Amino acid sequence: MQKISFIISFIFLQIICLSQANNEEFKEEESVRKTAIKFNATDFLVDRFSLGVERKLSKSFSFELDVDVLNKSMMLESNHPWYETLQVDKKGIIIEPQIRWYLFNNKLKGLYSSLAGFFGSAIYHPQNGVLDNDDWSSVGCSLHVGYQLVFWRFIADTYLGFTLANDNYPGPYVESTALFPPPDGFRLSGGLRLGINF
């Protein structure tokens, strides 16, 4: 239900922005479009919602700030046999600032490379059992190469690269990683963002 409400909110945001754009002159040059609002479509696979704003800084550089909301059910496991596996709900936030360099274009589109840092914090809410230390935190950085396609005001932004993360788990527990790569350490990362440019 929360995912549906987030999607509906984003659609309303697009309609408002597009209606404001229609009130402007249609001959507006594309080069003056300096801001983009995007959400990460691949985050829905891991029960996250991400909304970001990209702002042009100079001819080839831009700054983007993404905020990820975590709200997912998962398992916590331990190598110690006397700590039983726990089913938990993880709720928190990740803030990711990034700098982008567009290699061959100055209009927030085309091939780019990005350097980002991220800072995350969350709380585990056990569905069964007791968890004495229930907080999680993470810091790290990522380096990506991507391609941002702009069609009129609509954006499709694909990226692929590497992420290095340092996670702090609660006591003897770590997150179960049967289906996804471990969030801690060095890993391959990528995704697809969709949005609008204005």
Foldseek 3Di string as FASTA:
>chain_A
DVVVVVVVVQVVVVVVVVVVVVVDDPPDDLQVFFKWKKWFPVVVVVQKTKIKMWGQDDQFKIKMKMKIWAWDWFWKDFPDPVDDIFIWTKTWMKIKIKMKGADPGRRPFFKIKMKIKMKIKIFIGTPDDDAPFTIKIKIWMWIWIWGWDQDPFKIKIKIKTKIAMAMDHRDRIATDDPPHDGPHGMDIDIGIMITTID
